[in-house]
Amino acid sequence: MEQIVITIANHSHTHFAEEICEVIAASAAIRGTGIAKRTPEYIRTKIENGNATVALVGDTFAGFCYIEVWGHNKYVAHSGLIVHPEYRNLGLAKKVKEFTFNHSLKKFPDAKIFGITTGLAVMKINSELGYKPVTFSELTDDPKFWQGCQTCTNFSILTSKDYKMCLCTGMLFDPAKQVQKKQSWFNKTIVKLIKDKKQRLLENNKKVTSWKK
């Protein structure tokens, strides 16, 4: 892990696009899960726009993830999270996901971050980052996002359920709610500190009064 560097992808990383697509497709085939396929051209666009992160060992691709923006920047999704077979079982997927997550918060601070996945490992990572399981109705209603599911083997299930559910689990991180939680915690902490201080003052006053007597 000390040799692996995670960074925001740029033009110098576009040559990895085909290899990234191949590794994503191969991983999905091994797991037997559905996947929304992406072309090398699509991946290159994400890299060029600064909406992707890449993990490198020297000049070798080790991991990747990209950002999609929906509903006029109201929603952000992370897709294509993948680790090269040679660098798996090192906790790299979590590192790449966390880096992409923090990059999203900086670049799109007001956006809700969501994802749909069948992978338990990804669900665990999302939960640790503060995502909550939600129904599809709480995700973006942008038709272009759901069109991206057309190449998934489970697309017929999605359409038969009127885009309301599928084998994937929807997960959402709402930064506004996180701010409210922090504010609530801060307020409760302040109130507790004030109460504790008053209590100590009362106890000290009682001791002084008792000593004078």
N, C-alpha and C. Protein backbone atom coordinates (compact mmCIF):
# COMPACT_ATOMS: atom_id res chain seq x y z
N MET A 1 0.82 -1.20 0.00
CA MET A 1 0.00 0.00 0.00
C MET A 1 0.86 1.26 0.00
N GLU A 2 2.06 1.19 0.58
CA GLU A 2 2.93 2.36 0.62
C GLU A 2 3.35 2.79 -0.77
N GLN A 3 3.36 1.84 -1.73
CA GLN A 3 3.79 2.17 -3.09
C GLN A 3 2.63 2.72 -3.93
N ILE A 4 1.39 2.58 -3.44
CA ILE A 4 0.22 2.99 -4.21
C ILE A 4 -0.10 4.46 -3.96
N VAL A 5 -0.28 5.20 -5.04
CA VAL A 5 -0.63 6.62 -4.96
C VAL A 5 -2.01 6.81 -5.57
N ILE A 6 -2.91 7.43 -4.81
CA ILE A 6 -4.26 7.72 -5.30
C ILE A 6 -4.35 9.20 -5.60
N THR A 7 -4.83 9.55 -6.79
CA THR A 7 -4.88 10.94 -7.20
C THR A 7 -6.09 11.21 -8.08
N ILE A 8 -6.41 12.49 -8.27
CA ILE A 8 -7.46 12.86 -9.22
C ILE A 8 -6.91 12.63 -10.63
N ALA A 9 -7.63 11.88 -11.43
CA ALA A 9 -7.14 11.53 -12.77
C ALA A 9 -7.10 12.78 -13.67
N ASN A 10 -6.16 12.77 -14.59
CA ASN A 10 -6.04 13.87 -15.56
C ASN A 10 -5.68 13.31 -16.93
N HIS A 11 -5.41 14.20 -17.87
CA HIS A 11 -5.18 13.78 -19.26
C HIS A 11 -4.09 12.71 -19.39
N SER A 12 -3.10 12.75 -18.52
CA SER A 12 -2.00 11.79 -18.62
C SER A 12 -2.43 10.36 -18.30
N HIS A 13 -3.65 10.20 -17.78
CA HIS A 13 -4.13 8.87 -17.41
C HIS A 13 -5.15 8.30 -18.40
N THR A 14 -5.45 9.02 -19.47
CA THR A 14 -6.48 8.56 -20.41
C THR A 14 -6.12 7.25 -21.10
N HIS A 15 -4.81 6.95 -21.19
CA HIS A 15 -4.41 5.72 -21.88
C HIS A 15 -4.79 4.46 -21.08
N PHE A 16 -5.24 4.64 -19.83
CA PHE A 16 -5.68 3.50 -19.03
C PHE A 16 -7.14 3.12 -19.32
N ALA A 17 -7.86 3.93 -20.10
CA ALA A 17 -9.30 3.77 -20.28
C ALA A 17 -9.70 2.37 -20.74
N GLU A 18 -9.05 1.85 -21.76
CA GLU A 18 -9.41 0.52 -22.28
C GLU A 18 -9.15 -0.58 -21.25
N GLU A 19 -8.02 -0.49 -20.56
CA GLU A 19 -7.69 -1.49 -19.55
C GLU A 19 -8.71 -1.44 -18.40
N ILE A 20 -9.11 -0.23 -18.01
CA ILE A 20 -10.10 -0.07 -16.93
C ILE A 20 -11.41 -0.76 -17.32
N CYS A 21 -11.87 -0.52 -18.54
CA CYS A 21 -13.12 -1.13 -19.01
C CYS A 21 -13.01 -2.66 -19.02
N GLU A 22 -11.88 -3.16 -19.44
CA GLU A 22 -11.67 -4.62 -19.50
C GLU A 22 -11.70 -5.24 -18.11
N VAL A 23 -11.06 -4.59 -17.14
CA VAL A 23 -11.01 -5.11 -15.77
C VAL A 23 -12.39 -5.06 -15.13
N ILE A 24 -13.15 -3.99 -15.39
CA ILE A 24 -14.51 -3.86 -14.86
C ILE A 24 -15.39 -4.99 -15.40
N ALA A 25 -15.33 -5.21 -16.72
CA ALA A 25 -16.15 -6.25 -17.35
C ALA A 25 -15.76 -7.64 -16.85
N ALA A 26 -14.47 -7.91 -16.72
CA ALA A 26 -14.00 -9.21 -16.26
C ALA A 26 -14.43 -9.48 -14.83
N SER A 27 -14.38 -8.45 -13.99
CA SER A 27 -14.77 -8.59 -12.59
C SER A 27 -16.25 -8.91 -12.48
N ALA A 28 -17.07 -8.23 -13.29
CA ALA A 28 -18.52 -8.47 -13.27
C ALA A 28 -18.84 -9.89 -13.74
N ALA A 29 -18.11 -10.36 -14.74
CA ALA A 29 -18.34 -11.71 -15.27
C ALA A 29 -18.02 -12.77 -14.22
N ILE A 30 -16.94 -12.54 -13.47
CA ILE A 30 -16.55 -13.49 -12.42
C ILE A 30 -17.59 -13.53 -11.31
N ARG A 31 -18.08 -12.37 -10.91
CA ARG A 31 -19.07 -12.29 -9.83
C ARG A 31 -20.44 -12.73 -10.29
N GLY A 32 -20.67 -12.69 -11.59
CA GLY A 32 -21.98 -13.05 -12.12
C GLY A 32 -23.04 -12.03 -11.82
N THR A 33 -22.61 -10.78 -11.63
CA THR A 33 -23.55 -9.71 -11.31
C THR A 33 -23.79 -8.82 -12.52
N GLY A 34 -24.87 -8.08 -12.46
CA GLY A 34 -25.17 -7.15 -13.53
C GLY A 34 -24.26 -5.93 -13.44
N ILE A 35 -24.03 -5.27 -14.57
CA ILE A 35 -23.19 -4.08 -14.56
C ILE A 35 -23.58 -3.18 -15.72
N ALA A 36 -23.56 -1.88 -15.47
CA ALA A 36 -23.80 -0.92 -16.53
C ALA A 36 -22.48 -0.70 -17.25
N LYS A 37 -22.39 -1.16 -18.49
CA LYS A 37 -21.12 -1.09 -19.22
C LYS A 37 -20.81 0.33 -19.65
N ARG A 38 -19.54 0.66 -19.66
CA ARG A 38 -19.07 1.97 -20.09
C ARG A 38 -17.99 1.76 -21.15
N THR A 39 -17.94 2.66 -22.10
CA THR A 39 -16.95 2.56 -23.18
C THR A 39 -15.67 3.29 -22.77
N PRO A 40 -14.56 2.96 -23.41
CA PRO A 40 -13.31 3.68 -23.13
C PRO A 40 -13.46 5.18 -23.37
N GLU A 41 -14.25 5.54 -24.40
CA GLU A 41 -14.48 6.96 -24.69
C GLU A 41 -15.16 7.66 -23.51
N TYR A 42 -16.12 6.97 -22.90
CA TYR A 42 -16.84 7.53 -21.76
C TYR A 42 -15.89 7.73 -20.58
N ILE A 43 -15.06 6.73 -20.32
CA ILE A 43 -14.09 6.80 -19.23
C ILE A 43 -13.10 7.94 -19.47
N ARG A 44 -12.65 8.09 -20.73
CA ARG A 44 -11.72 9.17 -21.04
C ARG A 44 -12.34 10.54 -20.76
N THR A 45 -13.63 10.68 -21.07
CA THR A 45 -14.32 11.94 -20.82
C THR A 45 -14.32 12.28 -19.33
N LYS A 46 -14.59 11.27 -18.50
CA LYS A 46 -14.59 11.47 -17.06
C LYS A 46 -13.21 11.89 -16.56
N ILE A 47 -12.19 11.27 -17.10
CA ILE A 47 -10.83 11.59 -16.71
C ILE A 47 -10.48 13.02 -17.13
N GLU A 48 -10.83 13.37 -18.36
CA GLU A 48 -10.53 14.71 -18.88
C GLU A 48 -11.24 15.80 -18.07
N ASN A 49 -12.44 15.49 -17.56
CA ASN A 49 -13.23 16.48 -16.83
C ASN A 49 -12.84 16.57 -15.35
N GLY A 50 -11.90 15.77 -14.93
CA GLY A 50 -11.50 15.79 -13.52
C GLY A 50 -12.50 15.10 -12.62
N ASN A 51 -13.33 14.23 -13.21
CA ASN A 51 -14.36 13.53 -12.45
C ASN A 51 -14.01 12.05 -12.28
N ALA A 52 -12.74 11.77 -12.03
CA ALA A 52 -12.32 10.39 -11.82
C ALA A 52 -11.10 10.37 -10.92
N THR A 53 -10.93 9.27 -10.23
CA THR A 53 -9.74 9.09 -9.40
C THR A 53 -9.05 7.79 -9.82
N VAL A 54 -7.75 7.78 -9.72
CA VAL A 54 -6.98 6.62 -10.14
C VAL A 54 -5.92 6.29 -9.11
N ALA A 55 -5.72 5.00 -8.88
CA ALA A 55 -4.66 4.52 -7.99
C ALA A 55 -3.54 3.97 -8.86
N LEU A 56 -2.33 4.35 -8.56
CA LEU A 56 -1.19 3.97 -9.40
C LEU A 56 -0.07 3.36 -8.57
N VAL A 57 0.61 2.42 -9.18
CA VAL A 57 1.87 1.91 -8.64
C VAL A 57 2.90 2.22 -9.72
N GLY A 58 3.60 3.32 -9.54
CA GLY A 58 4.48 3.78 -10.61
C GLY A 58 3.63 4.20 -11.80
N ASP A 59 3.85 3.57 -12.94
CA ASP A 59 3.07 3.86 -14.14
C ASP A 59 2.01 2.79 -14.41
N THR A 60 1.71 1.97 -13.40
CA THR A 60 0.75 0.88 -13.56
C THR A 60 -0.57 1.21 -12.90
N PHE A 61 -1.66 0.96 -13.60
CA PHE A 61 -3.01 1.18 -13.06
C PHE A 61 -3.33 0.12 -12.00
N ALA A 62 -3.76 0.58 -10.82
CA ALA A 62 -4.09 -0.33 -9.72
C ALA A 62 -5.55 -0.24 -9.30
N GLY A 63 -6.16 0.93 -9.46
CA GLY A 63 -7.56 1.09 -9.05
C GLY A 63 -8.17 2.32 -9.71
N PHE A 64 -9.50 2.37 -9.71
CA PHE A 64 -10.17 3.46 -10.44
C PHE A 64 -11.60 3.64 -9.93
N CYS A 65 -12.10 4.86 -10.05
CA CYS A 65 -13.51 5.16 -9.78
C CYS A 65 -13.82 6.50 -10.43
N TYR A 66 -15.06 6.69 -10.88
CA TYR A 66 -15.40 7.97 -11.50
C TYR A 66 -16.71 8.53 -10.94
N ILE A 67 -16.90 9.82 -11.19
CA ILE A 67 -18.06 10.56 -10.67
C ILE A 67 -19.01 10.89 -11.80
N GLU A 68 -20.30 10.70 -11.54
CA GLU A 68 -21.34 11.13 -12.48
C GLU A 68 -22.20 12.17 -11.78
N VAL A 69 -22.60 13.19 -12.52
CA VAL A 69 -23.39 14.30 -11.97
C VAL A 69 -24.76 14.29 -12.62
N TRP A 70 -25.81 14.39 -11.78
CA TRP A 70 -27.19 14.29 -12.28
C TRP A 70 -28.06 15.40 -11.69
N GLY A 71 -29.16 15.69 -12.40
CA GLY A 71 -30.14 16.66 -11.89
C GLY A 71 -29.56 18.03 -11.63
N HIS A 72 -28.78 18.54 -12.57
CA HIS A 72 -28.20 19.88 -12.45
C HIS A 72 -27.39 20.03 -11.15
N ASN A 73 -26.49 19.09 -10.93
CA ASN A 73 -25.58 19.09 -9.78
C ASN A 73 -26.25 18.83 -8.43
N LYS A 74 -27.51 18.37 -8.47
CA LYS A 74 -28.20 18.06 -7.20
C LYS A 74 -27.81 16.68 -6.68
N TYR A 75 -27.39 15.82 -7.59
CA TYR A 75 -27.01 14.46 -7.22
C TYR A 75 -25.66 14.09 -7.83
N VAL A 76 -24.92 13.31 -7.09
CA VAL A 76 -23.63 12.79 -7.57
C VAL A 76 -23.59 11.29 -7.29
N ALA A 77 -23.09 10.54 -8.26
CA ALA A 77 -22.97 9.09 -8.08
C ALA A 77 -21.54 8.66 -8.38
N HIS A 78 -21.08 7.65 -7.67
CA HIS A 78 -19.76 7.07 -7.92
C HIS A 78 -19.94 5.75 -8.65
N SER A 79 -19.25 5.58 -9.73
CA SER A 79 -19.41 4.38 -10.54
C SER A 79 -18.04 3.83 -10.95
N GLY A 80 -18.07 2.59 -11.45
CA GLY A 80 -16.86 2.00 -11.99
C GLY A 80 -15.77 1.75 -10.97
N LEU A 81 -16.14 1.61 -9.69
CA LEU A 81 -15.12 1.32 -8.68
C LEU A 81 -14.50 -0.04 -8.97
N ILE A 82 -13.21 -0.05 -9.20
CA ILE A 82 -12.55 -1.30 -9.57
C ILE A 82 -11.11 -1.30 -9.09
N VAL A 83 -10.62 -2.48 -8.74
CA VAL A 83 -9.21 -2.66 -8.36
C VAL A 83 -8.63 -3.74 -9.26
N HIS A 84 -7.47 -3.50 -9.79
CA HIS A 84 -6.79 -4.48 -10.65
C HIS A 84 -6.54 -5.76 -9.85
N PRO A 85 -6.74 -6.93 -10.45
CA PRO A 85 -6.57 -8.21 -9.74
C PRO A 85 -5.26 -8.34 -8.96
N GLU A 86 -4.19 -7.75 -9.48
CA GLU A 86 -2.90 -7.86 -8.81
C GLU A 86 -2.82 -7.09 -7.49
N TYR A 87 -3.79 -6.18 -7.28
CA TYR A 87 -3.72 -5.33 -6.09
C TYR A 87 -4.96 -5.47 -5.20
N ARG A 88 -5.66 -6.58 -5.34
CA ARG A 88 -6.83 -6.82 -4.51
C ARG A 88 -6.44 -7.40 -3.14
N ASN A 89 -7.41 -7.36 -2.22
CA ASN A 89 -7.20 -7.86 -0.86
C ASN A 89 -6.18 -7.04 -0.07
N LEU A 90 -6.06 -5.78 -0.44
CA LEU A 90 -5.16 -4.85 0.26
C LEU A 90 -5.93 -3.70 0.89
N GLY A 91 -7.26 -3.72 0.73
CA GLY A 91 -8.07 -2.61 1.22
C GLY A 91 -8.05 -1.41 0.30
N LEU A 92 -7.60 -1.62 -0.95
CA LEU A 92 -7.47 -0.50 -1.88
C LEU A 92 -8.82 0.04 -2.34
N ALA A 93 -9.80 -0.84 -2.51
CA ALA A 93 -11.13 -0.38 -2.96
C ALA A 93 -11.68 0.68 -2.01
N LYS A 94 -11.54 0.42 -0.72
CA LYS A 94 -12.02 1.37 0.29
C LYS A 94 -11.28 2.69 0.19
N LYS A 95 -9.96 2.63 -0.01
CA LYS A 95 -9.16 3.84 -0.12
C LYS A 95 -9.57 4.67 -1.33
N VAL A 96 -9.77 3.99 -2.47
CA VAL A 96 -10.17 4.69 -3.70
C VAL A 96 -11.55 5.30 -3.52
N LYS A 97 -12.47 4.55 -2.91
CA LYS A 97 -13.83 5.03 -2.67
C LYS A 97 -13.81 6.26 -1.76
N GLU A 98 -13.06 6.20 -0.69
CA GLU A 98 -12.97 7.32 0.25
C GLU A 98 -12.40 8.56 -0.44
N PHE A 99 -11.37 8.36 -1.26
CA PHE A 99 -10.75 9.48 -1.97
C PHE A 99 -11.77 10.12 -2.92
N THR A 100 -12.50 9.27 -3.65
CA THR A 100 -13.51 9.76 -4.59
C THR A 100 -14.63 10.48 -3.85
N PHE A 101 -15.03 9.93 -2.71
CA PHE A 101 -16.07 10.52 -1.87
C PHE A 101 -15.66 11.92 -1.42
N ASN A 102 -14.46 12.07 -0.92
CA ASN A 102 -13.98 13.37 -0.45
C ASN A 102 -13.81 14.36 -1.60
N HIS A 103 -13.38 13.85 -2.75
CA HIS A 103 -13.26 14.69 -3.94
C HIS A 103 -14.63 15.22 -4.34
N SER A 104 -15.65 14.38 -4.25
CA SER A 104 -17.02 14.78 -4.58
C SER A 104 -17.52 15.87 -3.64
N LEU A 105 -17.26 15.70 -2.35
CA LEU A 105 -17.71 16.69 -1.36
C LEU A 105 -17.08 18.06 -1.62
N LYS A 106 -15.83 18.07 -2.06
CA LYS A 106 -15.16 19.34 -2.34
C LYS A 106 -15.66 19.97 -3.64
N LYS A 107 -15.85 19.12 -4.66
CA LYS A 107 -16.22 19.65 -5.98
C LYS A 107 -17.72 19.94 -6.09
N PHE A 108 -18.54 19.14 -5.40
CA PHE A 108 -20.00 19.33 -5.43
C PHE A 108 -20.53 19.33 -3.99
N PRO A 109 -20.22 20.37 -3.21
CA PRO A 109 -20.54 20.38 -1.77
C PRO A 109 -22.02 20.30 -1.42
N ASP A 110 -22.89 20.71 -2.33
CA ASP A 110 -24.33 20.72 -2.03
C ASP A 110 -25.07 19.50 -2.59
N ALA A 111 -24.36 18.65 -3.29
CA ALA A 111 -25.00 17.50 -3.95
C ALA A 111 -25.20 16.33 -2.99
N LYS A 112 -26.29 15.61 -3.19
CA LYS A 112 -26.50 14.35 -2.48
C LYS A 112 -25.72 13.28 -3.23
N ILE A 113 -25.00 12.45 -2.49
CA ILE A 113 -24.18 11.41 -3.11
C ILE A 113 -24.90 10.08 -2.98
N PHE A 114 -25.08 9.39 -4.11
CA PHE A 114 -25.83 8.14 -4.05
C PHE A 114 -25.17 7.07 -4.91
N GLY A 115 -25.66 5.86 -4.74
CA GLY A 115 -25.17 4.76 -5.55
C GLY A 115 -26.13 3.60 -5.49
N ILE A 116 -26.08 2.74 -6.49
CA ILE A 116 -26.85 1.50 -6.46
C ILE A 116 -25.86 0.37 -6.72
N THR A 117 -25.96 -0.67 -5.94
CA THR A 117 -24.98 -1.76 -6.06
C THR A 117 -25.55 -3.08 -5.56
N THR A 118 -24.99 -4.16 -6.06
CA THR A 118 -25.32 -5.49 -5.55
C THR A 118 -24.17 -6.04 -4.70
N GLY A 119 -23.07 -5.28 -4.65
CA GLY A 119 -21.88 -5.76 -3.94
C GLY A 119 -21.92 -5.47 -2.45
N LEU A 120 -21.79 -6.51 -1.64
CA LEU A 120 -21.80 -6.34 -0.19
C LEU A 120 -20.60 -5.52 0.29
N ALA A 121 -19.46 -5.70 -0.36
CA ALA A 121 -18.25 -4.96 0.02
C ALA A 121 -18.46 -3.46 -0.18
N VAL A 122 -19.08 -3.09 -1.31
CA VAL A 122 -19.35 -1.68 -1.59
C VAL A 122 -20.37 -1.13 -0.60
N MET A 123 -21.39 -1.93 -0.28
CA MET A 123 -22.39 -1.50 0.71
C MET A 123 -21.75 -1.21 2.05
N LYS A 124 -20.81 -2.06 2.44
CA LYS A 124 -20.11 -1.88 3.72
C LYS A 124 -19.30 -0.59 3.71
N ILE A 125 -18.59 -0.35 2.62
CA ILE A 125 -17.80 0.88 2.50
C ILE A 125 -18.72 2.10 2.55
N ASN A 126 -19.81 2.04 1.81
CA ASN A 126 -20.76 3.16 1.80
C ASN A 126 -21.32 3.44 3.19
N SER A 127 -21.66 2.38 3.90
CA SER A 127 -22.21 2.54 5.25
C SER A 127 -21.21 3.23 6.17
N GLU A 128 -19.94 2.84 6.06
CA GLU A 128 -18.90 3.44 6.89
C GLU A 128 -18.69 4.91 6.56
N LEU A 129 -19.02 5.31 5.32
CA LEU A 129 -18.89 6.71 4.91
C LEU A 129 -20.11 7.55 5.29
N GLY A 130 -21.17 6.88 5.75
CA GLY A 130 -22.35 7.62 6.18
C GLY A 130 -23.56 7.49 5.27
N TYR A 131 -23.45 6.64 4.22
CA TYR A 131 -24.60 6.39 3.36
C TYR A 131 -25.70 5.65 4.15
N LYS A 132 -26.95 5.87 3.71
CA LYS A 132 -28.07 5.14 4.29
C LYS A 132 -28.85 4.43 3.17
N PRO A 133 -29.34 3.22 3.42
CA PRO A 133 -30.15 2.53 2.40
C PRO A 133 -31.45 3.31 2.17
N VAL A 134 -31.83 3.48 0.92
CA VAL A 134 -33.04 4.22 0.58
C VAL A 134 -33.76 3.53 -0.58
N THR A 135 -35.00 3.91 -0.79
CA THR A 135 -35.73 3.42 -1.95
C THR A 135 -35.27 4.19 -3.18
N PHE A 136 -35.51 3.62 -4.35
CA PHE A 136 -35.09 4.28 -5.58
C PHE A 136 -35.77 5.64 -5.77
N SER A 137 -36.93 5.83 -5.15
CA SER A 137 -37.66 7.10 -5.30
C SER A 137 -36.90 8.27 -4.68
N GLU A 138 -35.94 7.98 -3.79
CA GLU A 138 -35.15 9.03 -3.14
C GLU A 138 -33.89 9.36 -3.92
N LEU A 139 -33.66 8.63 -5.01
CA LEU A 139 -32.50 8.88 -5.85
C LEU A 139 -32.88 9.82 -6.98
N THR A 140 -31.94 10.14 -7.83
CA THR A 140 -32.23 11.04 -8.93
C THR A 140 -33.31 10.48 -9.85
N ASP A 141 -34.15 11.37 -10.38
CA ASP A 141 -35.16 10.94 -11.35
C ASP A 141 -34.70 11.26 -12.78
N ASP A 142 -33.43 11.61 -12.92
CA ASP A 142 -32.88 11.91 -14.23
C ASP A 142 -32.92 10.64 -15.09
N PRO A 143 -33.68 10.65 -16.20
CA PRO A 143 -33.80 9.46 -17.03
C PRO A 143 -32.48 8.98 -17.61
N LYS A 144 -31.51 9.88 -17.77
CA LYS A 144 -30.22 9.48 -18.33
C LYS A 144 -29.47 8.54 -17.40
N PHE A 145 -29.67 8.72 -16.09
CA PHE A 145 -29.02 7.80 -15.15
C PHE A 145 -29.54 6.40 -15.33
N TRP A 146 -30.86 6.27 -15.39
CA TRP A 146 -31.47 4.94 -15.50
C TRP A 146 -31.24 4.32 -16.87
N GLN A 147 -31.03 5.17 -17.90
CA GLN A 147 -30.69 4.65 -19.21
C GLN A 147 -29.35 3.93 -19.18
N GLY A 148 -28.49 4.35 -18.26
CA GLY A 148 -27.18 3.72 -18.12
C GLY A 148 -27.27 2.28 -17.66
N CYS A 149 -28.45 1.89 -17.14
CA CYS A 149 -28.66 0.51 -16.67
C CYS A 149 -29.07 -0.44 -17.80
N GLN A 150 -29.25 0.09 -18.99
CA GLN A 150 -29.75 -0.72 -20.10
C GLN A 150 -28.82 -1.88 -20.46
N THR A 151 -27.52 -1.70 -20.23
CA THR A 151 -26.58 -2.77 -20.57
C THR A 151 -26.40 -3.77 -19.42
N CYS A 152 -27.11 -3.53 -18.32
CA CYS A 152 -27.04 -4.46 -17.19
C CYS A 152 -27.95 -5.66 -17.47
N THR A 153 -27.53 -6.84 -17.04
CA THR A 153 -28.31 -8.06 -17.28
C THR A 153 -29.62 -8.07 -16.50
N ASN A 154 -29.73 -7.17 -15.52
CA ASN A 154 -30.95 -7.12 -14.70
C ASN A 154 -31.90 -6.00 -15.12
N PHE A 155 -31.64 -5.39 -16.27
CA PHE A 155 -32.43 -4.24 -16.69
C PHE A 155 -33.92 -4.58 -16.83
N SER A 156 -34.23 -5.80 -17.27
CA SER A 156 -35.63 -6.20 -17.43
C SER A 156 -36.36 -6.20 -16.09
N ILE A 157 -35.63 -6.53 -15.02
CA ILE A 157 -36.24 -6.51 -13.68
C ILE A 157 -36.56 -5.07 -13.29
N LEU A 158 -35.63 -4.17 -13.57
CA LEU A 158 -35.82 -2.75 -13.25
C LEU A 158 -37.03 -2.17 -13.97
N THR A 159 -37.14 -2.47 -15.27
CA THR A 159 -38.26 -1.93 -16.04
C THR A 159 -39.59 -2.56 -15.63
N SER A 160 -39.56 -3.85 -15.28
CA SER A 160 -40.80 -4.51 -14.86
C SER A 160 -41.32 -3.95 -13.54
N LYS A 161 -40.43 -3.37 -12.75
CA LYS A 161 -40.79 -2.76 -11.47
C LYS A 161 -40.95 -1.24 -11.60
N ASP A 162 -41.06 -0.77 -12.84
CA ASP A 162 -41.27 0.65 -13.11
C ASP A 162 -40.18 1.52 -12.48
N TYR A 163 -38.95 1.02 -12.52
CA TYR A 163 -37.77 1.74 -12.03
C TYR A 163 -37.83 2.03 -10.52
N LYS A 164 -38.64 1.30 -9.81
CA LYS A 164 -38.79 1.53 -8.36
C LYS A 164 -37.94 0.59 -7.53
N MET A 165 -37.50 -0.52 -8.11
CA MET A 165 -36.63 -1.45 -7.39
C MET A 165 -35.97 -2.40 -8.37
N CYS A 166 -34.88 -3.02 -7.90
CA CYS A 166 -34.17 -4.01 -8.71
C CYS A 166 -33.34 -4.86 -7.74
N LEU A 167 -32.39 -5.62 -8.28
CA LEU A 167 -31.52 -6.39 -7.40
C LEU A 167 -30.51 -5.50 -6.68
N CYS A 168 -30.25 -4.33 -7.23
CA CYS A 168 -29.36 -3.39 -6.59
C CYS A 168 -30.01 -2.76 -5.36
N THR A 169 -29.18 -2.34 -4.42
CA THR A 169 -29.63 -1.60 -3.25
C THR A 169 -29.26 -0.13 -3.44
N GLY A 170 -30.21 0.76 -3.23
CA GLY A 170 -29.94 2.18 -3.33
C GLY A 170 -29.40 2.71 -2.00
N MET A 171 -28.35 3.53 -2.07
CA MET A 171 -27.77 4.11 -0.86
C MET A 171 -27.51 5.59 -1.10
N LEU A 172 -27.74 6.40 -0.05
CA LEU A 172 -27.68 7.86 -0.20
C LEU A 172 -26.94 8.52 0.95
N PHE A 173 -26.11 9.51 0.61
CA PHE A 173 -25.45 10.35 1.60
C PHE A 173 -25.93 11.78 1.37
N ASP A 174 -26.59 12.36 2.36
CA ASP A 174 -27.13 13.71 2.25
C ASP A 174 -26.28 14.64 3.12
N PRO A 175 -25.43 15.47 2.53
CA PRO A 175 -24.55 16.35 3.32
C PRO A 175 -25.32 17.32 4.21
N ALA A 176 -26.52 17.73 3.77
CA ALA A 176 -27.33 18.66 4.58
C ALA A 176 -27.72 18.01 5.90
N LYS A 177 -28.09 16.75 5.86
CA LYS A 177 -28.47 16.04 7.09
C LYS A 177 -27.26 15.83 7.99
N GLN A 178 -26.09 15.64 7.38
CA GLN A 178 -24.88 15.48 8.18
C GLN A 178 -24.55 16.76 8.93
N VAL A 179 -24.77 17.90 8.26
CA VAL A 179 -24.55 19.20 8.91
C VAL A 179 -25.52 19.38 10.07
N GLN A 180 -26.80 18.99 9.85
CA GLN A 180 -27.80 19.09 10.91
C GLN A 180 -27.43 18.24 12.10
N LYS A 181 -26.92 17.01 11.83
CA LYS A 181 -26.52 16.12 12.91
C LYS A 181 -25.38 16.71 13.71
N LYS A 182 -24.40 17.29 12.99
CA LYS A 182 -23.26 17.89 13.67
C LYS A 182 -23.70 19.09 14.50
N GLN A 183 -24.63 19.90 13.93
CA GLN A 183 -25.13 21.07 14.66
C GLN A 183 -25.89 20.63 15.90
N SER A 184 -26.71 19.58 15.75
CA SER A 184 -27.47 19.05 16.88
C SER A 184 -26.54 18.54 17.97
N TRP A 185 -25.50 17.82 17.55
CA TRP A 185 -24.52 17.30 18.50
C TRP A 185 -23.81 18.44 19.20
N PHE A 186 -23.46 19.49 18.42
CA PHE A 186 -22.77 20.65 18.98
C PHE A 186 -23.65 21.35 20.02
N ASN A 187 -24.92 21.54 19.65
CA ASN A 187 -25.85 22.21 20.57
C ASN A 187 -26.02 21.41 21.87
N LYS A 188 -26.19 20.10 21.73
CA LYS A 188 -26.36 19.25 22.91
C LYS A 188 -25.11 19.28 23.78
N THR A 189 -23.95 19.31 23.14
CA THR A 189 -22.69 19.34 23.88
C THR A 189 -22.54 20.63 24.66
N ILE A 190 -22.89 21.75 23.99
CA ILE A 190 -22.80 23.07 24.65
C ILE A 190 -23.74 23.13 25.85
N VAL A 191 -24.97 22.66 25.65
CA VAL A 191 -25.95 22.66 26.74
C VAL A 191 -25.44 21.83 27.91
N LYS A 192 -24.88 20.67 27.61
CA LYS A 192 -24.35 19.80 28.67
C LYS A 192 -23.21 20.48 29.42
N LEU A 193 -22.31 21.14 28.69
CA LEU A 193 -21.18 21.82 29.32
C LEU A 193 -21.65 22.93 30.24
N ILE A 194 -22.68 23.67 29.78
CA ILE A 194 -23.23 24.77 30.60
C ILE A 194 -23.86 24.21 31.88
N LYS A 195 -24.62 23.12 31.73
CA LYS A 195 -25.26 22.49 32.90
C LYS A 195 -24.21 21.99 33.88
N ASP A 196 -23.17 21.36 33.35
CA ASP A 196 -22.10 20.85 34.21
C ASP A 196 -21.39 21.97 34.95
N LYS A 197 -21.18 23.08 34.23
CA LYS A 197 -20.50 24.22 34.85
C LYS A 197 -21.35 24.81 35.96
N LYS A 198 -22.66 24.95 35.70
CA LYS A 198 -23.57 25.48 36.72
C LYS A 198 -23.60 24.57 37.94
N GLN A 199 -23.61 23.27 37.69
CA GLN A 199 -23.65 22.31 38.78
C GLN A 199 -22.40 22.41 39.64
N ARG A 200 -21.24 22.57 38.98
CA ARG A 200 -19.99 22.69 39.74
C ARG A 200 -19.96 23.97 40.55
N LEU A 201 -20.50 25.07 39.97
CA LEU A 201 -20.55 26.35 40.70
C LEU A 201 -21.44 26.25 41.92
N LEU A 202 -22.60 25.56 41.76
CA LEU A 202 -23.51 25.38 42.89
C LEU A 202 -22.86 24.57 43.99
N GLU A 203 -22.16 23.51 43.59
CA GLU A 203 -21.48 22.67 44.57
C GLU A 203 -20.37 23.43 45.29
N ASN A 204 -19.65 24.27 44.55
CA ASN A 204 -18.58 25.07 45.16
C ASN A 204 -19.16 26.09 46.13
N ASN A 205 -20.31 26.71 45.74
CA ASN A 205 -20.96 27.69 46.61
C ASN A 205 -21.42 27.06 47.91
N LYS A 206 -21.94 25.81 47.79
CA LYS A 206 -22.39 25.09 48.98
C LYS A 206 -21.21 24.81 49.91
N LYS A 207 -20.07 24.44 49.32
CA LYS A 207 -18.89 24.15 50.13
C LYS A 207 -18.40 25.40 50.83
N VAL A 208 -18.41 26.55 50.13
CA VAL A 208 -17.95 27.82 50.71
C VAL A 208 -18.88 28.24 51.84
N THR A 209 -20.20 28.11 51.62
CA THR A 209 -21.18 28.46 52.64
C THR A 209 -21.02 27.58 53.87
N SER A 210 -20.82 26.33 53.66
CA SER A 210 -20.65 25.38 54.76
C SER A 210 -19.37 25.69 55.53
N TRP A 211 -18.30 26.05 54.85
CA TRP A 211 -17.03 26.37 55.50
C TRP A 211 -17.14 27.62 56.37
N LYS A 212 -17.89 28.64 55.86
CA LYS A 212 -18.07 29.89 56.60
C LYS A 212 -18.85 29.64 57.89
N LYS A 213 -19.82 28.73 57.84
CA LYS A 213 -20.59 28.43 59.03
C LYS A 213 -19.70 27.76 60.08
